[in-house]
Amino acid sequence: MNVSIVDEARAPAAATRAHWSVDSVAALFELPFNDLLHRAQSVHRSHFDPNEIQLSTLLSIKTGGCPEDCGYCPQSVRFDTGLADQALLPIEQVVAAAQAARAKGATRFCMGAAWRGPKQRDVEQVAAMIKAVHDLGMETCATLGMLKDGQAEQLGAAGLDYYNHNLDTAPEYYNEIIHTREQRDRLDTLGRVRAAGVHVCCGGIVGMGETRAQRAALIAQLANLDPYPESVPINNLVAVPGTPLADTEPLDPLEFVRTIACARIAMPRARVRLSAGRSDMSDAVQALCFLAGANSIFYGDKLLTTGNPEVERDQHLMAKLGLHPAAAVPRASSSES
């Protein structure tokens, strides 16, 4: 075994962060399954209540019409997926959705818009939504595409807590999935978000035909961001008919669990979110993901455009496993923040 992996995985919280090489993450992936889960659960328990799950709800505030060609995405104008375009929702509808999510137990509300990047008028409209949701006492998150200088600051001033912008996949595999921008563009946006003092939500998608080594490279890249993301969504590809990845062979469920475990070990203080693809996961696989260190889910019957387990199913599963929702974070009004 690579000796460095023992040091990195067992290192206590300290000012000095471990650097994760691709080889060291790959060595984690190669551990016997029980050993990997034991290590991940041990890391998880040292930083979190092991039976607490943070509940987030995601709303598409502007659907379809995106000029990008991300091979997994049904919202691209380049693919015929039967998805109807939807203009930016009125603020009243967004607030009503946030109130409904809060009533069902969600503490974070995420707003997603299918843009390459928002125009200034878009930022102003979304900022008003962020302020309104923030004032409900919920954590706020937005994913709007690439940001220009000053836009992250404007969103942060409105009360934005998290900005989601995923790296998607390993650097060397990125151009197999997306051709209309470089991964460097994504890193530039993340830099603007950090500079604005907004927390980062950044993860990726697995099951897109990448190798295990490439999954390890994605985890290493995320873990070596300085600082690494506070929130790390791990998505299992939803192969949507009409997209270039529609016929991709599904990832083995236990390999997905391994990916969750590796993310937990490499980013011990992050919320690791079990994200897209849960509708096709059995209760047993989801339970293994929680054991491996996932402690956040998208909560609600729909993600941006794809299905998600019904609220009642999630509530039943959490009750069976003895899991409880994370408490809401105390919020000041946006005028005080």
Protein backbone atom coordinates (compact mmCIF):
# COMPACT_ATOMS: atom_id res chain seq x y z
CA MET A 1 0.00 0.00 0.00
CA ASN A 2 1.15 3.53 -0.65
CA VAL A 3 2.30 4.64 2.81
CA SER A 4 1.21 8.24 2.22
CA ILE A 5 -2.41 7.14 2.02
CA VAL A 6 -2.32 6.02 5.64
CA ASP A 7 -0.93 9.39 6.73
CA GLU A 8 -3.47 11.38 4.74
CA ALA A 9 -6.49 9.33 5.71
CA ARG A 10 -5.68 9.30 9.43
CA ALA A 11 -4.30 12.81 9.79
CA PRO A 12 -6.09 14.81 12.50
CA ALA A 13 -7.64 18.19 11.80
CA ALA A 14 -4.76 20.62 11.60
CA ALA A 15 -3.77 23.88 10.01
CA THR A 16 -1.64 21.96 7.48
CA ARG A 17 -3.78 20.34 4.81
CA ALA A 18 -2.77 17.08 3.21
CA HIS A 19 -2.09 17.11 -0.51
CA TRP A 20 -3.84 14.28 -2.31
CA SER A 21 -2.05 12.85 -5.31
CA VAL A 22 -4.08 10.95 -7.87
CA ASP A 23 -2.14 7.82 -6.90
CA SER A 24 -3.04 8.20 -3.23
CA VAL A 25 -6.77 8.51 -4.02
CA ALA A 26 -6.46 5.58 -6.44
CA ALA A 27 -4.95 3.55 -3.58
CA LEU A 28 -8.06 4.29 -1.50
CA PHE A 29 -10.26 2.98 -4.31
CA GLU A 30 -8.25 -0.25 -4.31
CA LEU A 31 -8.77 -0.99 -0.61
CA PRO A 32 -10.99 -3.94 0.37
CA PHE A 33 -14.54 -2.62 0.50
CA ASN A 34 -14.97 -3.15 4.26
CA ASP A 35 -11.65 -1.46 5.04
CA LEU A 36 -12.53 1.53 2.87
CA LEU A 37 -15.92 1.99 4.50
CA HIS A 38 -14.47 1.61 7.98
CA ARG A 39 -11.89 4.30 7.25
CA ALA A 40 -14.47 6.62 5.69
CA GLN A 41 -16.90 6.15 8.59
CA SER A 42 -14.11 6.83 11.08
CA VAL A 43 -13.21 10.09 9.33
CA HIS A 44 -16.89 11.01 9.11
CA ARG A 45 -17.51 10.46 12.83
CA SER A 46 -14.55 12.64 13.75
CA HIS A 47 -16.18 15.66 12.07
CA PHE A 48 -19.95 15.10 11.95
CA ASP A 49 -22.87 13.58 13.76
CA PRO A 50 -22.94 10.23 11.91
CA ASN A 51 -26.75 10.11 11.89
CA GLU A 52 -27.43 13.63 10.64
CA ILE A 53 -28.42 14.40 7.04
CA GLN A 54 -28.58 17.90 5.60
CA LEU A 55 -31.65 18.31 3.37
CA SER A 56 -31.48 20.54 0.29
CA THR A 57 -34.18 21.25 -2.26
CA LEU A 58 -33.32 22.20 -5.84
CA LEU A 59 -35.53 24.29 -8.13
CA SER A 60 -34.98 25.03 -11.81
CA ILE A 61 -35.69 28.75 -12.03
CA LYS A 62 -34.90 28.86 -15.77
CA THR A 63 -35.04 25.66 -17.82
CA GLY A 64 -33.62 24.69 -21.22
CA GLY A 65 -32.09 26.68 -24.02
CA CYS A 66 -28.50 26.38 -22.81
CA PRO A 67 -25.93 26.86 -25.62
CA GLU A 68 -23.39 24.49 -24.01
CA ASP A 69 -22.93 20.90 -25.22
CA CYS A 70 -22.39 19.07 -21.90
CA GLY A 71 -22.97 15.48 -22.96
CA TYR A 72 -25.05 14.57 -19.90
CA CYS A 73 -27.42 17.52 -19.95
CA PRO A 74 -31.00 17.48 -21.28
CA GLN A 75 -31.12 21.30 -21.18
CA SER A 76 -28.73 21.83 -24.08
CA VAL A 77 -30.20 23.33 -27.26
CA ARG A 78 -27.95 20.92 -29.17
CA PHE A 79 -29.84 17.78 -28.08
CA ASP A 80 -33.39 16.67 -28.75
CA THR A 81 -34.59 15.46 -25.36
CA GLY A 82 -38.19 16.67 -25.53
CA LEU A 83 -37.59 19.18 -22.75
CA ALA A 84 -39.64 22.35 -23.02
CA ASP A 85 -37.84 25.63 -22.43
CA GLN A 86 -39.04 27.73 -19.50
CA ALA A 87 -38.28 31.39 -18.95
CA LEU A 88 -37.02 32.70 -15.62
CA LEU A 89 -39.67 32.07 -13.00
CA PRO A 90 -41.35 34.98 -11.23
CA ILE A 91 -40.01 35.64 -7.76
CA GLU A 92 -43.36 34.81 -6.15
CA GLN A 93 -43.22 31.27 -7.54
CA VAL A 94 -39.66 30.78 -6.31
CA VAL A 95 -40.52 31.99 -2.81
CA ALA A 96 -43.58 29.72 -2.69
CA ALA A 97 -41.41 26.74 -3.65
CA ALA A 98 -38.89 27.64 -0.95
CA GLN A 99 -41.62 27.94 1.65
CA ALA A 100 -42.97 24.51 0.67
CA ALA A 101 -39.47 23.00 0.88
CA ARG A 102 -38.93 24.52 4.31
CA ALA A 103 -42.27 23.13 5.50
CA LYS A 104 -41.10 19.64 4.50
CA GLY A 105 -37.85 19.97 6.40
CA ALA A 106 -35.33 21.32 3.90
CA THR A 107 -32.84 23.82 5.30
CA ARG A 108 -31.02 24.76 2.09
CA PHE A 109 -32.72 25.97 -1.09
CA CYS A 110 -30.83 25.77 -4.37
CA MET A 111 -31.79 27.71 -7.50
CA GLY A 112 -30.52 26.58 -10.89
CA ALA A 113 -30.67 28.34 -14.25
CA ALA A 114 -29.63 26.91 -17.62
CA TRP A 115 -27.29 29.67 -18.78
CA ARG A 116 -23.73 29.61 -20.06
CA GLY A 117 -23.44 32.56 -17.72
CA PRO A 118 -25.94 35.16 -16.49
CA LYS A 119 -26.31 38.62 -17.99
CA GLN A 120 -26.35 41.54 -15.59
CA ARG A 121 -30.15 41.81 -15.68
CA ASP A 122 -30.31 38.09 -14.82
CA VAL A 123 -28.03 38.58 -11.82
CA GLU A 124 -30.24 41.40 -10.55
CA GLN A 125 -33.38 39.25 -10.80
CA VAL A 126 -31.75 36.22 -9.18
CA ALA A 127 -30.30 38.41 -6.43
CA ALA A 128 -33.85 39.44 -5.51
CA MET A 129 -34.82 35.76 -5.29
CA ILE A 130 -31.80 35.00 -3.13
CA LYS A 131 -32.66 37.82 -0.74
CA ALA A 132 -36.27 36.61 -0.43
CA VAL A 133 -35.23 32.99 0.27
CA HIS A 134 -32.50 34.12 2.66
CA ASP A 135 -35.08 36.10 4.61
CA LEU A 136 -37.10 32.88 5.08
CA GLY A 137 -34.25 31.64 7.27
CA MET A 138 -32.93 29.11 4.74
CA GLU A 139 -29.42 28.65 3.44
CA THR A 140 -29.25 29.75 -0.18
CA CYS A 141 -27.43 28.20 -3.11
CA ALA A 142 -27.39 29.10 -6.81
CA THR A 143 -25.99 27.54 -9.96
CA LEU A 144 -26.13 29.94 -12.88
CA GLY A 145 -23.14 29.02 -15.01
CA MET A 146 -19.92 30.99 -15.39
CA LEU A 147 -19.69 34.27 -13.50
CA LYS A 148 -18.01 37.49 -14.58
CA ASP A 149 -16.07 39.83 -12.34
CA GLY A 150 -18.32 41.43 -9.72
CA GLN A 151 -21.26 39.07 -10.13
CA ALA A 152 -20.34 36.79 -7.23
CA GLU A 153 -20.04 39.83 -4.99
CA GLN A 154 -23.50 40.99 -6.05
CA LEU A 155 -25.02 37.60 -5.31
CA GLY A 156 -23.19 37.40 -1.99
CA ALA A 157 -24.48 40.81 -0.96
CA ALA A 158 -28.03 39.56 -1.57
CA GLY A 159 -27.48 36.72 0.91
CA LEU A 160 -26.06 33.88 -1.20
CA ASP A 161 -24.42 31.26 1.01
CA TYR A 162 -23.23 28.75 -1.62
CA TYR A 163 -22.48 28.85 -5.33
CA ASN A 164 -22.57 25.53 -7.16
CA HIS A 165 -20.24 25.04 -10.09
CA ASN A 166 -19.12 21.44 -10.61
CA LEU A 167 -15.83 20.33 -12.13
CA ASP A 168 -17.85 17.44 -13.61
CA THR A 169 -15.02 15.00 -14.28
CA ALA A 170 -11.26 14.51 -14.31
CA PRO A 171 -9.20 17.11 -16.18
CA GLU A 172 -8.01 14.57 -18.74
CA TYR A 173 -11.56 13.35 -19.44
CA TYR A 174 -13.30 16.71 -19.45
CA ASN A 175 -13.03 17.34 -23.19
CA GLU A 176 -14.64 13.97 -23.88
CA ILE A 177 -17.82 15.29 -22.25
CA ILE A 178 -17.84 19.05 -22.94
CA HIS A 179 -16.46 20.94 -25.93
CA THR A 180 -17.93 24.44 -25.55
CA ARG A 181 -15.72 25.47 -22.63
CA GLU A 182 -12.63 24.35 -20.79
CA GLN A 183 -12.42 23.12 -17.24
CA ARG A 184 -10.21 26.16 -16.63
CA ASP A 185 -13.32 28.31 -17.15
CA ARG A 186 -14.99 26.50 -14.27
CA LEU A 187 -11.98 27.00 -12.03
CA ASP A 188 -11.97 30.72 -12.85
CA THR A 189 -15.59 31.00 -11.71
CA LEU A 190 -14.78 29.12 -8.50
CA GLY A 191 -11.97 31.60 -7.88
CA ARG A 192 -14.39 34.52 -8.25
CA VAL A 193 -16.80 32.85 -5.82
CA ARG A 194 -14.06 32.35 -3.22
CA ALA A 195 -12.84 35.92 -3.62
CA ALA A 196 -16.38 37.15 -2.96
CA GLY A 197 -16.55 35.27 0.34
CA VAL A 198 -19.27 32.87 -0.85
CA HIS A 199 -19.02 29.19 0.06
CA VAL A 200 -18.29 26.73 -2.73
CA CYS A 201 -20.48 23.79 -3.71
CA CYS A 202 -18.49 21.76 -6.21
CA GLY A 203 -18.39 18.10 -7.14
CA GLY A 204 -18.84 15.99 -10.21
CA ILE A 205 -20.66 13.28 -12.11
CA VAL A 206 -19.55 9.65 -12.22
CA GLY A 207 -20.71 6.90 -14.51
CA MET A 208 -20.01 8.88 -17.70
CA GLY A 209 -17.68 6.22 -19.09
CA GLU A 210 -14.64 7.39 -17.14
CA THR A 211 -12.15 4.95 -15.62
CA ARG A 212 -11.60 4.39 -11.91
CA ALA A 213 -8.29 6.27 -12.27
CA GLN A 214 -10.21 9.22 -13.67
CA ARG A 215 -12.66 9.11 -10.77
CA ALA A 216 -9.65 9.22 -8.47
CA ALA A 217 -8.30 12.20 -10.41
CA LEU A 218 -11.56 14.09 -9.93
CA ILE A 219 -11.56 13.47 -6.16
CA ALA A 220 -7.91 14.54 -5.94
CA GLN A 221 -8.58 17.71 -7.89
CA LEU A 222 -11.51 18.65 -5.64
CA ALA A 223 -9.56 17.85 -2.46
CA ASN A 224 -6.61 19.98 -3.57
CA LEU A 225 -8.66 23.11 -4.14
CA ASP A 226 -7.54 25.57 -1.46
CA PRO A 227 -9.71 25.36 0.49
CA TYR A 228 -11.62 22.33 -0.72
CA PRO A 229 -15.38 22.85 -1.24
CA GLU A 230 -17.62 23.08 1.80
CA SER A 231 -20.24 21.11 -0.13
CA VAL A 232 -19.38 18.27 -2.54
CA PRO A 233 -22.23 16.81 -4.63
CA ILE A 234 -21.45 13.39 -6.10
CA ASN A 235 -23.86 12.69 -8.95
CA ASN A 236 -24.48 9.33 -10.59
CA LEU A 237 -25.20 9.87 -14.27
CA VAL A 238 -28.87 9.98 -15.21
CA ALA A 239 -28.68 8.78 -18.82
CA VAL A 240 -31.33 10.95 -20.47
CA PRO A 241 -32.59 9.82 -23.91
CA GLY A 242 -31.47 12.24 -26.60
CA THR A 243 -28.18 13.15 -24.91
CA PRO A 244 -24.84 11.78 -26.15
CA LEU A 245 -24.48 9.74 -22.95
CA ALA A 246 -27.92 8.15 -23.18
CA ASP A 247 -26.53 4.66 -23.84
CA THR A 248 -23.70 4.75 -21.31
CA GLU A 249 -23.40 1.54 -19.30
CA PRO A 250 -24.48 2.17 -15.70
CA LEU A 251 -21.79 2.38 -13.06
CA ASP A 252 -21.68 -0.53 -10.63
CA PRO A 253 -23.47 0.62 -7.44
CA LEU A 254 -20.62 -0.48 -5.17
CA GLU A 255 -18.19 1.56 -7.25
CA PHE A 256 -20.41 4.57 -6.62
CA VAL A 257 -20.26 3.84 -2.87
CA ARG A 258 -16.47 3.66 -3.13
CA THR A 259 -16.48 7.11 -4.74
CA ILE A 260 -18.50 8.54 -1.86
CA ALA A 261 -16.08 7.00 0.64
CA CYS A 262 -13.03 8.40 -1.13
CA ALA A 263 -14.60 11.86 -1.22
CA ARG A 264 -15.31 11.67 2.52
CA ILE A 265 -11.75 10.67 3.38
CA ALA A 266 -10.14 13.26 1.10
CA MET A 267 -12.46 16.11 2.19
CA PRO A 268 -13.25 15.31 5.83
CA ARG A 269 -15.07 18.52 6.77
CA ALA A 270 -17.17 18.85 3.61
CA ARG A 271 -20.84 18.02 3.30
CA VAL A 272 -20.75 15.16 0.80
CA ARG A 273 -24.06 15.16 -1.01
CA LEU A 274 -25.65 12.06 -2.47
CA SER A 275 -27.08 13.85 -5.50
CA ALA A 276 -28.47 12.87 -8.92
CA GLY A 277 -29.27 9.25 -9.64
CA ARG A 278 -30.85 8.33 -6.30
CA SER A 279 -34.16 7.38 -7.95
CA ASP A 280 -32.47 4.29 -9.36
CA MET A 281 -30.69 3.36 -6.12
CA SER A 282 -32.07 0.80 -3.72
CA ASP A 283 -32.46 1.63 -0.07
CA ALA A 284 -29.52 -0.67 0.63
CA VAL A 285 -27.18 1.20 -1.72
CA GLN A 286 -28.22 4.55 -0.26
CA ALA A 287 -27.64 3.18 3.23
CA LEU A 288 -24.11 2.18 2.21
CA CYS A 289 -23.54 5.69 0.85
CA PHE A 290 -24.52 7.16 4.22
CA LEU A 291 -22.22 4.67 5.93
CA ALA A 292 -19.46 5.79 3.55
CA GLY A 293 -19.87 9.39 4.68
CA ALA A 294 -22.58 11.01 2.58
CA ASN A 295 -24.44 13.43 4.84
CA SER A 296 -26.51 15.56 2.48
CA ILE A 297 -29.20 14.79 -0.09
CA PHE A 298 -31.40 16.65 -2.52
CA TYR A 299 -34.85 16.43 -0.98
CA GLY A 300 -37.94 16.71 -3.13
CA ASP A 301 -39.56 14.89 -6.00
CA LYS A 302 -37.53 16.58 -8.76
CA LEU A 303 -34.05 17.91 -9.42
CA LEU A 304 -33.55 20.46 -12.19
CA THR A 305 -35.25 18.31 -14.82
CA THR A 306 -34.83 14.70 -13.70
CA GLY A 307 -36.63 12.65 -11.10
CA ASN A 308 -35.73 12.27 -7.45
CA PRO A 309 -37.12 10.00 -4.72
CA GLU A 310 -40.42 11.18 -3.28
CA VAL A 311 -40.25 12.98 0.05
CA GLU A 312 -42.22 10.19 1.72
CA ARG A 313 -39.72 7.58 0.51
CA ASP A 314 -36.82 9.59 1.92
CA GLN A 315 -38.59 10.12 5.21
CA HIS A 316 -39.30 6.39 5.46
CA LEU A 317 -35.70 5.49 4.64
CA MET A 318 -34.30 7.95 7.17
CA ALA A 319 -36.64 6.56 9.83
CA LYS A 320 -35.52 2.98 9.07
CA LEU A 321 -31.88 4.00 9.35
CA GLY A 322 -32.32 6.19 12.44
CA LEU A 323 -31.16 9.29 10.57
CA HIS A 324 -32.37 12.78 11.39
CA PRO A 325 -32.34 16.07 9.46
CA ALA A 326 -29.68 18.63 10.22
CA ALA A 327 -30.99 21.65 12.09
CA ALA A 328 -31.52 24.89 10.24
CA VAL A 329 -28.62 27.33 10.49
CA PRO A 330 -29.61 30.51 12.38
CA ARG A 331 -29.92 33.29 9.82
CA ALA A 332 -29.78 37.06 10.04
CA SER A 333 -31.94 38.98 7.60
CA SER A 334 -30.17 39.90 4.36
CA SER A 335 -30.16 43.55 5.46
CA GLU A 336 -27.96 42.53 8.43
CA SER A 337 -25.59 40.22 6.55
